[in-house]
Every structure is written in C-alpha cells, then in structure tokens.
Amino acid sequence: MSEMIVILGPTASGKTTLATALAARIGGEVISADSRQVYRRMDIGTGKDLGDYVVDGKAIPYHLIDICEPGTKYNLFRYQQDFLEAFRQVKERGAVPILCGGTGLYIESVLRGYSLSPVPQNDSLRKQLEGKSLEQLTVILQGLKEKNGSHMHNETDVDTAQRAIRAIEIEEYNLCNPTARRAFPEIKAVVFGVNIDREERRRKITARLQQRLEHGMTDEVKALLDSGIPADDLIYYGLEYKYVTEYVIGRISYDEMFRQLEIAIHQFAKRQMTWFRGMERRGIQIHWIDAQLPTDEKIAYIQRLTP
C-alpha cells in the first residue's frame, strides 16, 4: 500500500471536502499543503473552513493549520520540517496520511524530496531591490531561476514585491552556496487532482468571495491590524489579505477591492493549474477526478488506485 495519498487542486475545487470524506472512510488524517492556512486568526481569508473537518459528527484530525503567528514569514524549509514531523506522527498512530492543498511548491517539495537549507536575510541585496516593481523583480527572479535550473518560485506564491524579494534572496543564496543534499525520505504516494471546469471554477470563486465578505473577512483583517500586525505584513500574504487590507486602510474603495481581488483569485487558480501541469511534465503522475462527480464515486476511484 502507498504510504500517502495526495489530493491537490485549484482554489474552490472542493479538495478539502474530498480529503476529509476520504479520511473518515479509511481512517486517515489530513496534512495541509497550504502556505497561508499555517497562520492563526487568518481564517476566513485563507478559507480554512474548519467545519469541513467534521464528517458525520466525527472530527477528522488535521495538521499544519494554525501553527504560527500572523506577521511571521513561514517558508518552504520550515514546511518540510513540519511536514516530516506530522507525517511521522500520523504513521505512528497507524492512520493514513492524506496530503491536501493547493500550494504546488509545498506538495512537490515533499514528493520530489527537495533538499533545502535555511537562507539568511541579505540586507545589502534588499537595499538594491528596494523600490523595484513586482514586474521588475519577476524578471530578476526568472534570470536567477534559469541560472539555478530551479523550479522553486513561480508566480503562484510570488504575488507581492516582498515575496518576490525573498524569492530572489533564496535563489541568489543557492547560486552562491550550492547546498549539500539533506536527507529527505522518499515517500511512496499516489497523487489525485480535483479537476474543475473553468467556468464552474470562476462561478464558485465569485460566489465564495461574496460569501467570505458577508461573513466578516473585513472584520477579520481589522482585528489583525488592531492586534498590532503592520499593514505591510498582511499585504505580504497576498490575495484576500492584500486587497482587503488596502481597502481597510483607505488605499482603495470597496468596489475596487472586490473587482481587483476577484480578478487576482481567478489568476491565482489559473497559475495553480499551470504549476500542477508542470509537476506532470516533471514526472509526477496525477490521477485527475472530475469535481462534479458525487463524493462516493470519487472515493471509490481513489480506493481502486490505492489498494
């Protein structure tokens, strides 16, 4: 039997609902692969939907959600360490680890055993990059990636200038300091992707954005700001936190916020799919499941391929 089942998909594809239903059926625990759900008190904007982790009255154990404070910069190196610890605990309990999320880089780093080292902050490099636009930073980053032969940073998560600068810092460090391979265990996994029709995905994204705003996403951002987290730190997290923060601090109107955020989430989902297709080109087999199928049929398909 495979050591782990992976369920990936773009935002609004229903992957968490599937993962928790599967966990309830086979005695599994969910390990999150979401770069934003690691933060406490960032619930509505990251779409934690913790109610999904209760299936037929049964609580499904989950890992790597709510593990650090907003304002901190969680990274891939930490994710790998945290993943391995969660994976070890799940296996020790005799449960099935189900890795679920939409952050392709995190998923691929586990499946391909990326070898990483912690990268220190480079203040002189940051001074050089200060004031450059996201577009300019993206060009610099692309050049470094080509030199490194790196698949690490794509636009899915590098969607603010701060994130682009950190990505450049990492690629620059890796170029100058080739890392000795750190042992990362090979994990046998079967990978499933939830494939949602583009128009249906767009419809669900817009409906979900309206719902999140109606259910207090603006208040969540205000509370984070009131707790002392600088606006720029929230903007760093991109998507909902970037645009809602800009609205709350008066940089843009509500209508501008909604329109720009809706476009940004649609673009984000498209980039997620581009990453997943890239994973397939790089040799990771993904078994795609139609999002419209009933949950029982999806689970039956997964069980057939993971005896």
C-alpha atoms as a PDB file:
ATOM      1  CA  MET A   1       0.000   0.000   0.000  1.00  0.00           C
ATOM      2  CA  SER A   2       1.143   3.580  -0.681  1.00  0.00           C
ATOM      3  CA  GLU A   3       2.490   5.455   2.306  1.00  0.00           C
ATOM      4  CA  MET A   4       0.460   8.567   1.494  1.00  0.00           C
ATOM      5  CA  ILE A   5      -2.444   9.815  -0.606  1.00  0.00           C
ATOM      6  CA  VAL A   6      -2.208  13.310  -2.096  1.00  0.00           C
ATOM      7  CA  ILE A   7      -5.263  15.355  -3.080  1.00  0.00           C
ATOM      8  CA  LEU A   8      -4.481  18.599  -4.868  1.00  0.00           C
ATOM      9  CA  GLY A   9      -6.470  21.086  -6.889  1.00  0.00           C
ATOM     10  CA  PRO A  10      -7.016  24.783  -7.535  1.00  0.00           C
ATOM     11  CA  THR A  11      -8.879  27.025  -5.144  1.00  0.00           C
ATOM     12  CA  ALA A  12     -12.650  26.324  -4.946  1.00  0.00           C
ATOM     13  CA  SER A  13     -12.300  22.818  -6.423  1.00  0.00           C
ATOM     14  CA  GLY A  14     -13.630  21.033  -3.316  1.00  0.00           C
ATOM     15  CA  LYS A  15     -10.391  19.198  -2.492  1.00  0.00           C
ATOM     16  CA  THR A  16     -10.690  19.617   1.312  1.00  0.00           C
ATOM     17  CA  THR A  17     -14.232  18.206   1.359  1.00  0.00           C
ATOM     18  CA  LEU A  18     -12.984  15.198  -0.590  1.00  0.00           C
ATOM     19  CA  ALA A  19      -9.906  14.723   1.625  1.00  0.00           C
ATOM     20  CA  THR A  20     -11.917  14.775   4.857  1.00  0.00           C
ATOM     21  CA  ALA A  21     -14.623  12.452   3.469  1.00  0.00           C
ATOM     22  CA  LEU A  22     -11.863  10.044   2.383  1.00  0.00           C
ATOM     23  CA  ALA A  23     -10.162  10.324   5.796  1.00  0.00           C
ATOM     24  CA  ALA A  24     -13.445   9.435   7.530  1.00  0.00           C
ATOM     25  CA  ARG A  25     -13.844   6.387   5.262  1.00  0.00           C
ATOM     26  CA  ILE A  26     -10.308   4.943   5.502  1.00  0.00           C
ATOM     27  CA  GLY A  27      -9.032   6.105   8.896  1.00  0.00           C
ATOM     28  CA  GLY A  28      -6.932   8.954   7.589  1.00  0.00           C
ATOM     29  CA  GLU A  29      -5.541  12.226   8.903  1.00  0.00           C
ATOM     30  CA  VAL A  30      -5.156  15.338   6.755  1.00  0.00           C
ATOM     31  CA  ILE A  31      -1.825  17.127   6.417  1.00  0.00           C
ATOM     32  CA  SER A  32      -2.391  20.565   4.912  1.00  0.00           C
ATOM     33  CA  ALA A  33      -0.311  21.853   1.988  1.00  0.00           C
ATOM     34  CA  ASP A  34      -1.468  25.461   2.082  1.00  0.00           C
ATOM     35  CA  SER A  35       1.039  28.285   2.543  1.00  0.00           C
ATOM     36  CA  ARG A  36      -1.493  30.620   4.177  1.00  0.00           C
ATOM     37  CA  GLN A  37      -3.510  28.310   6.428  1.00  0.00           C
ATOM     38  CA  VAL A  38      -0.484  27.913   8.707  1.00  0.00           C
ATOM     39  CA  TYR A  39      -1.368  31.293  10.284  1.00  0.00           C
ATOM     40  CA  ARG A  40      -3.594  31.601  13.332  1.00  0.00           C
ATOM     41  CA  ARG A  41      -6.547  34.030  13.232  1.00  0.00           C
ATOM     42  CA  MET A  42      -6.318  34.219   9.422  1.00  0.00           C
ATOM     43  CA  ASP A  43      -9.357  32.009   8.934  1.00  0.00           C
ATOM     44  CA  ILE A  44     -11.907  33.469   6.530  1.00  0.00           C
ATOM     45  CA  GLY A  45      -9.381  34.888   4.047  1.00  0.00           C
ATOM     46  CA  THR A  46      -7.427  31.634   3.843  1.00  0.00           C
ATOM     47  CA  GLY A  47     -10.597  29.529   3.514  1.00  0.00           C
ATOM     48  CA  LYS A  48      -9.807  27.193   6.396  1.00  0.00           C
ATOM     49  CA  ASP A  49     -13.433  26.033   6.556  1.00  0.00           C
ATOM     50  CA  LEU A  50     -12.671  24.003   9.678  1.00  0.00           C
ATOM     51  CA  GLY A  51     -16.270  22.761   9.617  1.00  0.00           C
ATOM     52  CA  ASP A  52     -15.136  20.510   6.736  1.00  0.00           C
ATOM     53  CA  TYR A  53     -13.049  18.568   9.255  1.00  0.00           C
ATOM     54  CA  VAL A  54     -16.167  17.184  10.924  1.00  0.00           C
ATOM     55  CA  VAL A  55     -17.726  14.387   8.865  1.00  0.00           C
ATOM     56  CA  ASP A  56     -20.958  12.755  10.093  1.00  0.00           C
ATOM     57  CA  GLY A  57     -20.244  14.069  13.591  1.00  0.00           C
ATOM     58  CA  LYS A  58     -16.704  12.684  13.580  1.00  0.00           C
ATOM     59  CA  ALA A  59     -13.714  15.050  13.939  1.00  0.00           C
ATOM     60  CA  ILE A  60     -11.011  14.405  11.343  1.00  0.00           C
ATOM     61  CA  PRO A  61      -7.509  15.116  12.686  1.00  0.00           C
ATOM     62  CA  TYR A  62      -5.617  17.765  10.709  1.00  0.00           C
ATOM     63  CA  HIS A  63      -2.042  19.061  10.750  1.00  0.00           C
ATOM     64  CA  LEU A  64      -0.104  22.196   9.710  1.00  0.00           C
ATOM     65  CA  ILE A  65      -3.058  24.541  10.137  1.00  0.00           C
ATOM     66  CA  ASP A  66      -2.852  27.310  12.786  1.00  0.00           C
ATOM     67  CA  ILE A  67       0.785  26.623  13.644  1.00  0.00           C
ATOM     68  CA  CYS A  68       2.327  30.115  13.607  1.00  0.00           C
ATOM     69  CA  GLU A  69       1.511  33.749  14.324  1.00  0.00           C
ATOM     70  CA  PRO A  70       0.472  36.257  11.638  1.00  0.00           C
ATOM     71  CA  GLY A  71       3.329  38.595  10.783  1.00  0.00           C
ATOM     72  CA  THR A  72       5.899  35.788  10.731  1.00  0.00           C
ATOM     73  CA  LYS A  73       7.339  34.641   7.404  1.00  0.00           C
ATOM     74  CA  TYR A  74       6.689  30.922   7.125  1.00  0.00           C
ATOM     75  CA  ASN A  75       8.780  29.277   4.400  1.00  0.00           C
ATOM     76  CA  LEU A  76       9.391  26.090   2.437  1.00  0.00           C
ATOM     77  CA  PHE A  77      12.288  24.953   4.637  1.00  0.00           C
ATOM     78  CA  ARG A  78      10.061  25.108   7.724  1.00  0.00           C
ATOM     79  CA  TYR A  79       7.224  23.425   5.877  1.00  0.00           C
ATOM     80  CA  GLN A  80       9.378  20.429   5.027  1.00  0.00           C
ATOM     81  CA  GLN A  81      10.458  20.046   8.664  1.00  0.00           C
ATOM     82  CA  ASP A  82       6.877  20.413   9.924  1.00  0.00           C
ATOM     83  CA  PHE A  83       5.558  18.025   7.275  1.00  0.00           C
ATOM     84  CA  LEU A  84       8.030  15.283   8.217  1.00  0.00           C
ATOM     85  CA  GLU A  85       7.088  15.556  11.897  1.00  0.00           C
ATOM     86  CA  ALA A  86       3.336  15.443  11.115  1.00  0.00           C
ATOM     87  CA  PHE A  87       3.848  12.534   8.704  1.00  0.00           C
ATOM     88  CA  ARG A  88       5.796  10.604  11.357  1.00  0.00           C
ATOM     89  CA  GLN A  89       3.070  11.156  13.970  1.00  0.00           C
ATOM     90  CA  VAL A  90       0.273  10.045  11.608  1.00  0.00           C
ATOM     91  CA  LYS A  91       2.150   6.880  10.617  1.00  0.00           C
ATOM     92  CA  GLU A  92       2.930   6.088  14.274  1.00  0.00           C
ATOM     93  CA  ARG A  93      -0.803   6.134  15.017  1.00  0.00           C
ATOM     94  CA  GLY A  94      -1.417   3.678  12.194  1.00  0.00           C
ATOM     95  CA  ALA A  95      -3.506   6.247  10.279  1.00  0.00           C
ATOM     96  CA  VAL A  96      -3.268   7.052   6.560  1.00  0.00           C
ATOM     97  CA  PRO A  97      -1.606  10.416   5.806  1.00  0.00           C
ATOM     98  CA  ILE A  98      -3.615  12.445   3.278  1.00  0.00           C
ATOM     99  CA  LEU A  99      -1.684  15.459   1.994  1.00  0.00           C
ATOM    100  CA  CYS A 100      -4.200  18.025   0.771  1.00  0.00           C
ATOM    101  CA  GLY A 101      -3.798  21.530  -0.584  1.00  0.00           C
ATOM    102  CA  GLY A 102      -3.253  23.901  -3.445  1.00  0.00           C
ATOM    103  CA  THR A 103       0.311  25.113  -2.827  1.00  0.00           C
ATOM    104  CA  GLY A 104       2.034  23.146  -5.566  1.00  0.00           C
ATOM    105  CA  LEU A 105       5.524  24.073  -4.387  1.00  0.00           C
ATOM    106  CA  TYR A 106       4.898  22.555  -0.940  1.00  0.00           C
ATOM    107  CA  ILE A 107       3.433  19.373  -2.425  1.00  0.00           C
ATOM    108  CA  GLU A 108       6.214  18.974  -4.982  1.00  0.00           C
ATOM    109  CA  SER A 109       8.929  19.627  -2.376  1.00  0.00           C
ATOM    110  CA  VAL A 110       7.621  16.614  -0.437  1.00  0.00           C
ATOM    111  CA  LEU A 111       7.080  14.320  -3.428  1.00  0.00           C
ATOM    112  CA  ARG A 112      10.436  15.107  -5.031  1.00  0.00           C
ATOM    113  CA  GLY A 113      12.356  15.392  -1.745  1.00  0.00           C
ATOM    114  CA  TYR A 114      13.741  18.898  -2.336  1.00  0.00           C
ATOM    115  CA  SER A 115      16.929  19.382  -0.357  1.00  0.00           C
ATOM    116  CA  LEU A 116      16.919  22.804   1.287  1.00  0.00           C
ATOM    117  CA  SER A 117      18.871  24.861   3.771  1.00  0.00           C
ATOM    118  CA  PRO A 118      17.655  27.856   5.793  1.00  0.00           C
ATOM    119  CA  VAL A 119      18.541  31.057   3.913  1.00  0.00           C
ATOM    120  CA  PRO A 120      19.610  34.133   5.921  1.00  0.00           C
ATOM    121  CA  GLN A 121      18.325  37.642   5.138  1.00  0.00           C
ATOM    122  CA  ASN A 122      20.613  39.592   2.778  1.00  0.00           C
ATOM    123  CA  ASP A 123      20.274  43.268   3.754  1.00  0.00           C
ATOM    124  CA  SER A 124      22.534  44.662   1.015  1.00  0.00           C
ATOM    125  CA  LEU A 125      20.589  42.745  -1.659  1.00  0.00           C
ATOM    126  CA  ARG A 126      17.315  44.002  -0.173  1.00  0.00           C
ATOM    127  CA  LYS A 127      18.608  47.614  -0.417  1.00  0.00           C
ATOM    128  CA  GLN A 128      19.449  47.083  -4.091  1.00  0.00           C
ATOM    129  CA  LEU A 129      15.962  45.722  -4.800  1.00  0.00           C
ATOM    130  CA  GLU A 130      14.074  48.341  -2.765  1.00  0.00           C
ATOM    131  CA  GLY A 131      11.623  50.363  -4.846  1.00  0.00           C
ATOM    132  CA  LYS A 132      11.539  47.968  -7.800  1.00  0.00           C
ATOM    133  CA  SER A 133       8.115  46.931  -9.101  1.00  0.00           C
ATOM    134  CA  LEU A 134       6.788  43.375  -8.921  1.00  0.00           C
ATOM    135  CA  GLU A 135       7.241  43.126 -12.709  1.00  0.00           C
ATOM    136  CA  GLN A 136      10.930  44.153 -12.485  1.00  0.00           C
ATOM    137  CA  LEU A 137      11.538  41.770  -9.591  1.00  0.00           C
ATOM    138  CA  THR A 138       9.877  38.925 -11.522  1.00  0.00           C
ATOM    139  CA  VAL A 139      12.326  39.425 -14.419  1.00  0.00           C
ATOM    140  CA  ILE A 140      15.311  39.311 -11.994  1.00  0.00           C
ATOM    141  CA  LEU A 141      13.891  36.198 -10.321  1.00  0.00           C
ATOM    142  CA  GLN A 142      13.365  34.460 -13.678  1.00  0.00           C
ATOM    143  CA  GLY A 143      17.013  35.084 -14.607  1.00  0.00           C
ATOM    144  CA  LEU A 144      18.236  33.569 -11.323  1.00  0.00           C
ATOM    145  CA  LYS A 145      15.925  30.557 -11.714  1.00  0.00           C
ATOM    146  CA  GLU A 146      17.368  29.873 -15.166  1.00  0.00           C
ATOM    147  CA  LYS A 147      20.930  30.027 -13.773  1.00  0.00           C
ATOM    148  CA  ASN A 148      19.989  27.684 -10.909  1.00  0.00           C
ATOM    149  CA  GLY A 149      17.850  25.335 -13.016  1.00  0.00           C
ATOM    150  CA  SER A 150      15.273  25.987 -10.275  1.00  0.00           C
ATOM    151  CA  HIS A 151      11.592  25.060 -10.254  1.00  0.00           C
ATOM    152  CA  MET A 152      11.065  26.590  -6.831  1.00  0.00           C
ATOM    153  CA  HIS A 153       9.476  30.009  -7.165  1.00  0.00           C
ATOM    154  CA  ASN A 154       6.701  30.594  -9.643  1.00  0.00           C
ATOM    155  CA  GLU A 155       4.032  33.281  -9.717  1.00  0.00           C
ATOM    156  CA  THR A 156       1.565  31.242  -7.655  1.00  0.00           C
ATOM    157  CA  ASP A 157       3.076  32.427  -4.390  1.00  0.00           C
ATOM    158  CA  VAL A 158       5.329  35.270  -5.564  1.00  0.00           C
ATOM    159  CA  ASP A 159       2.441  37.711  -5.917  1.00  0.00           C
ATOM    160  CA  THR A 160       3.760  40.703  -3.931  1.00  0.00           C
ATOM    161  CA  ALA A 161       7.050  42.640  -4.124  1.00  0.00           C
ATOM    162  CA  GLN A 162       8.048  41.450  -0.626  1.00  0.00           C
ATOM    163  CA  ARG A 163       7.585  37.812  -1.584  1.00  0.00           C
ATOM    164  CA  ALA A 164       9.493  38.330  -4.845  1.00  0.00           C
ATOM    165  CA  ILE A 165      12.413  39.881  -2.939  1.00  0.00           C
ATOM    166  CA  ARG A 166      12.524  36.917  -0.560  1.00  0.00           C
ATOM    167  CA  ALA A 167      12.438  34.507  -3.527  1.00  0.00           C
ATOM    168  CA  ILE A 168      15.333  36.393  -5.179  1.00  0.00           C
ATOM    169  CA  GLU A 169      17.228  36.240  -1.884  1.00  0.00           C
ATOM    170  CA  ILE A 170      16.805  32.439  -1.759  1.00  0.00           C
ATOM    171  CA  GLU A 171      17.763  31.883  -5.411  1.00  0.00           C
ATOM    172  CA  GLU A 172      20.796  34.201  -5.041  1.00  0.00           C
ATOM    173  CA  TYR A 173      21.902  32.322  -1.902  1.00  0.00           C
ATOM    174  CA  ASN A 174      21.507  28.934  -3.590  1.00  0.00           C
ATOM    175  CA  LEU A 175      23.504  30.174  -6.592  1.00  0.00           C
ATOM    176  CA  CYS A 176      26.424  31.247  -4.378  1.00  0.00           C
ATOM    177  CA  ASN A 177      26.112  28.421  -1.815  1.00  0.00           C
ATOM    178  CA  PRO A 178      25.302  25.098  -3.503  1.00  0.00           C
ATOM    179  CA  THR A 179      23.650  23.063  -0.741  1.00  0.00           C
ATOM    180  CA  ALA A 180      24.837  19.618   0.244  1.00  0.00           C
ATOM    181  CA  ARG A 181      21.942  17.220  -0.185  1.00  0.00           C
ATOM    182  CA  ARG A 182      19.992  16.957   3.043  1.00  0.00           C
ATOM    183  CA  ALA A 183      18.404  13.568   3.554  1.00  0.00           C
ATOM    184  CA  PHE A 184      14.674  13.774   2.818  1.00  0.00           C
ATOM    185  CA  PRO A 185      12.986  10.384   2.888  1.00  0.00           C
ATOM    186  CA  GLU A 186      11.396   9.065  -0.264  1.00  0.00           C
ATOM    187  CA  ILE A 187       7.663   8.753   0.336  1.00  0.00           C
ATOM    188  CA  LYS A 188       5.572   6.486  -1.867  1.00  0.00           C
ATOM    189  CA  ALA A 189       2.468   8.453  -2.745  1.00  0.00           C
ATOM    190  CA  VAL A 190      -0.474   8.240  -5.126  1.00  0.00           C
ATOM    191  CA  VAL A 191      -1.493  11.697  -6.322  1.00  0.00           C
ATOM    192  CA  PHE A 192      -5.050  12.748  -7.222  1.00  0.00           C
ATOM    193  CA  GLY A 193      -6.120  16.094  -8.652  1.00  0.00           C
ATOM    194  CA  VAL A 194      -9.621  17.555  -8.491  1.00  0.00           C
ATOM    195  CA  ASN A 195     -10.350  18.849 -11.987  1.00  0.00           C
ATOM    196  CA  ILE A 196     -12.996  21.566 -12.020  1.00  0.00           C
ATOM    197  CA  ASP A 197     -14.394  23.074 -15.225  1.00  0.00           C
ATOM    198  CA  ARG A 198     -13.013  26.597 -15.751  1.00  0.00           C
ATOM    199  CA  GLU A 199     -16.424  28.308 -15.896  1.00  0.00           C
ATOM    200  CA  GLU A 200     -17.653  26.411 -12.837  1.00  0.00           C
ATOM    201  CA  ARG A 201     -14.447  27.343 -11.004  1.00  0.00           C
ATOM    202  CA  ARG A 202     -14.959  31.017 -11.872  1.00  0.00           C
ATOM    203  CA  ARG A 203     -18.577  30.873 -10.675  1.00  0.00           C
ATOM    204  CA  LYS A 204     -17.575  29.231  -7.374  1.00  0.00           C
ATOM    205  CA  ILE A 205     -14.707  31.676  -6.787  1.00  0.00           C
ATOM    206  CA  THR A 206     -17.006  34.699  -7.198  1.00  0.00           C
ATOM    207  CA  ALA A 207     -19.753  33.188  -5.017  1.00  0.00           C
ATOM    208  CA  ARG A 208     -17.224  32.232  -2.335  1.00  0.00           C
ATOM    209  CA  LEU A 209     -15.653  35.693  -2.325  1.00  0.00           C
ATOM    210  CA  GLN A 210     -19.081  37.300  -1.798  1.00  0.00           C
ATOM    211  CA  GLN A 211     -19.810  34.820   0.983  1.00  0.00           C
ATOM    212  CA  ARG A 212     -16.486  35.464   2.741  1.00  0.00           C
ATOM    213  CA  LEU A 213     -17.020  39.229   2.655  1.00  0.00           C
ATOM    214  CA  GLU A 214     -20.557  38.776   4.023  1.00  0.00           C
ATOM    215  CA  HIS A 215     -19.204  36.529   6.796  1.00  0.00           C
ATOM    216  CA  GLY A 216     -16.717  39.013   8.188  1.00  0.00           C
ATOM    217  CA  MET A 217     -13.498  38.932   6.163  1.00  0.00           C
ATOM    218  CA  THR A 218     -13.151  42.713   6.522  1.00  0.00           C
ATOM    219  CA  ASP A 219     -13.625  42.449  10.300  1.00  0.00           C
ATOM    220  CA  GLU A 220     -11.002  39.689  10.414  1.00  0.00           C
ATOM    221  CA  VAL A 221      -8.469  41.975   8.714  1.00  0.00           C
ATOM    222  CA  LYS A 222      -9.382  44.893  11.026  1.00  0.00           C
ATOM    223  CA  ALA A 223      -8.883  42.655  14.071  1.00  0.00           C
ATOM    224  CA  LEU A 224      -5.449  41.567  12.799  1.00  0.00           C
ATOM    225  CA  LEU A 225      -4.445  45.202  12.239  1.00  0.00           C
ATOM    226  CA  ASP A 226      -5.833  46.194  15.669  1.00  0.00           C
ATOM    227  CA  SER A 227      -3.738  43.427  17.270  1.00  0.00           C
ATOM    228  CA  GLY A 228      -0.611  45.258  16.110  1.00  0.00           C
ATOM    229  CA  ILE A 229       0.256  43.454  12.870  1.00  0.00           C
ATOM    230  CA  PRO A 230       1.600  46.059  10.390  1.00  0.00           C
ATOM    231  CA  ALA A 231      -0.483  46.550   7.236  1.00  0.00           C
ATOM    232  CA  ASP A 232       2.534  45.714   5.043  1.00  0.00           C
ATOM    233  CA  ASP A 233       2.884  42.336   6.770  1.00  0.00           C
ATOM    234  CA  LEU A 234      -0.719  41.467   5.883  1.00  0.00           C
ATOM    235  CA  ILE A 235      -0.283  42.776   2.330  1.00  0.00           C
ATOM    236  CA  TYR A 236       2.735  40.425   2.058  1.00  0.00           C
ATOM    237  CA  TYR A 237       0.393  37.424   2.291  1.00  0.00           C
ATOM    238  CA  GLY A 238      -1.277  38.443  -0.968  1.00  0.00           C
ATOM    239  CA  LEU A 239      -4.785  37.819  -2.333  1.00  0.00           C
ATOM    240  CA  GLU A 240      -7.552  38.462   0.262  1.00  0.00           C
ATOM    241  CA  TYR A 241      -5.180  39.970   2.821  1.00  0.00           C
ATOM    242  CA  LYS A 242      -3.520  42.283   0.309  1.00  0.00           C
ATOM    243  CA  TYR A 243      -6.707  43.761  -1.164  1.00  0.00           C
ATOM    244  CA  VAL A 244      -8.884  43.815   1.957  1.00  0.00           C
ATOM    245  CA  THR A 245      -6.058  45.475   3.925  1.00  0.00           C
ATOM    246  CA  GLU A 246      -5.672  48.106   1.198  1.00  0.00           C
ATOM    247  CA  TYR A 247      -9.426  48.743   1.451  1.00  0.00           C
ATOM    248  CA  VAL A 248      -9.410  48.905   5.266  1.00  0.00           C
ATOM    249  CA  ILE A 249      -6.512  51.415   5.372  1.00  0.00           C
ATOM    250  CA  GLY A 250      -8.228  53.562   2.728  1.00  0.00           C
ATOM    251  CA  ARG A 251      -6.000  52.969  -0.312  1.00  0.00           C
ATOM    252  CA  ILE A 252      -8.818  51.610  -2.482  1.00  0.00           C
ATOM    253  CA  SER A 253     -12.635  51.665  -2.426  1.00  0.00           C
ATOM    254  CA  TYR A 254     -14.807  48.646  -1.603  1.00  0.00           C
ATOM    255  CA  ASP A 255     -15.800  48.206  -5.264  1.00  0.00           C
ATOM    256  CA  GLU A 256     -12.153  48.422  -6.401  1.00  0.00           C
ATOM    257  CA  MET A 257     -11.193  45.912  -3.728  1.00  0.00           C
ATOM    258  CA  PHE A 258     -13.865  43.433  -4.832  1.00  0.00           C
ATOM    259  CA  ARG A 259     -13.094  43.785  -8.529  1.00  0.00           C
ATOM    260  CA  GLN A 260      -9.303  43.563  -8.170  1.00  0.00           C
ATOM    261  CA  LEU A 261      -9.486  40.690  -5.678  1.00  0.00           C
ATOM    262  CA  GLU A 262     -11.889  38.694  -7.841  1.00  0.00           C
ATOM    263  CA  ILE A 263      -9.516  39.027 -10.823  1.00  0.00           C
ATOM    264  CA  ALA A 264      -6.497  38.135  -8.645  1.00  0.00           C
ATOM    265  CA  ILE A 265      -8.141  34.935  -7.328  1.00  0.00           C
ATOM    266  CA  HIS A 266      -9.108  33.833 -10.849  1.00  0.00           C
ATOM    267  CA  GLN A 267      -5.499  34.421 -11.971  1.00  0.00           C
ATOM    268  CA  PHE A 268      -4.218  32.575  -8.901  1.00  0.00           C
ATOM    269  CA  ALA A 269      -6.351  29.484  -9.685  1.00  0.00           C
ATOM    270  CA  LYS A 270      -5.073  29.521 -13.266  1.00  0.00           C
ATOM    271  CA  ARG A 271      -1.456  29.670 -12.030  1.00  0.00           C
ATOM    272  CA  GLN A 272      -2.124  26.782  -9.642  1.00  0.00           C
ATOM    273  CA  MET A 273      -3.241  24.639 -12.587  1.00  0.00           C
ATOM    274  CA  THR A 274      -0.131  25.704 -14.532  1.00  0.00           C
ATOM    275  CA  TRP A 275       2.014  24.503 -11.617  1.00  0.00           C
ATOM    276  CA  PHE A 276       0.194  21.145 -11.430  1.00  0.00           C
ATOM    277  CA  ARG A 277       0.654  20.633 -15.201  1.00  0.00           C
ATOM    278  CA  GLY A 278       4.336  21.425 -14.687  1.00  0.00           C
ATOM    279  CA  MET A 279       4.515  18.748 -11.968  1.00  0.00           C
ATOM    280  CA  GLU A 280       3.194  16.249 -14.518  1.00  0.00           C
ATOM    281  CA  ARG A 281       5.854  17.309 -17.048  1.00  0.00           C
ATOM    282  CA  ARG A 282       8.473  16.839 -14.317  1.00  0.00           C
ATOM    283  CA  GLY A 283       7.419  13.220 -13.868  1.00  0.00           C
ATOM    284  CA  ILE A 284       4.749  13.247 -11.146  1.00  0.00           C
ATOM    285  CA  GLN A 285       1.679  11.264 -12.201  1.00  0.00           C
ATOM    286  CA  ILE A 286      -1.588  12.945 -11.220  1.00  0.00           C
ATOM    287  CA  HIS A 287      -4.859  10.994 -11.487  1.00  0.00           C
ATOM    288  CA  TRP A 288      -7.480  13.630 -12.287  1.00  0.00           C
ATOM    289  CA  ILE A 289     -11.001  13.329 -10.869  1.00  0.00           C
ATOM    290  CA  ASP A 290     -13.976  15.315 -12.184  1.00  0.00           C
ATOM    291  CA  ALA A 291     -15.054  17.761  -9.456  1.00  0.00           C
ATOM    292  CA  GLN A 292     -18.708  17.260 -10.434  1.00  0.00           C
ATOM    293  CA  LEU A 293     -18.749  13.545  -9.550  1.00  0.00           C
ATOM    294  CA  PRO A 294     -20.554  12.541  -6.324  1.00  0.00           C
ATOM    295  CA  THR A 295     -18.177  12.192  -3.362  1.00  0.00           C
ATOM    296  CA  ASP A 296     -18.815   8.444  -3.080  1.00  0.00           C
ATOM    297  CA  GLU A 297     -17.702   7.930  -6.693  1.00  0.00           C
ATOM    298  CA  LYS A 298     -14.560   9.986  -6.126  1.00  0.00           C
ATOM    299  CA  ILE A 299     -13.687   7.942  -3.034  1.00  0.00           C
ATOM    300  CA  ALA A 300     -14.355   4.651  -4.854  1.00  0.00           C
ATOM    301  CA  TYR A 301     -11.958   5.744  -7.623  1.00  0.00           C
ATOM    302  CA  ILE A 302      -9.246   6.678  -5.106  1.00  0.00           C
ATOM    303  CA  GLN A 303      -9.667   3.374  -3.284  1.00  0.00           C
ATOM    304  CA  ARG A 304      -9.348   1.419  -6.532  1.00  0.00           C
ATOM    305  CA  LEU A 305      -5.955   3.034  -7.186  1.00  0.00           C
ATOM    306  CA  THR A 306      -4.702   2.798  -3.566  1.00  0.00           C
ATOM    307  CA  PRO A 307      -5.411  -0.805  -2.578  1.00  0.00           C
END
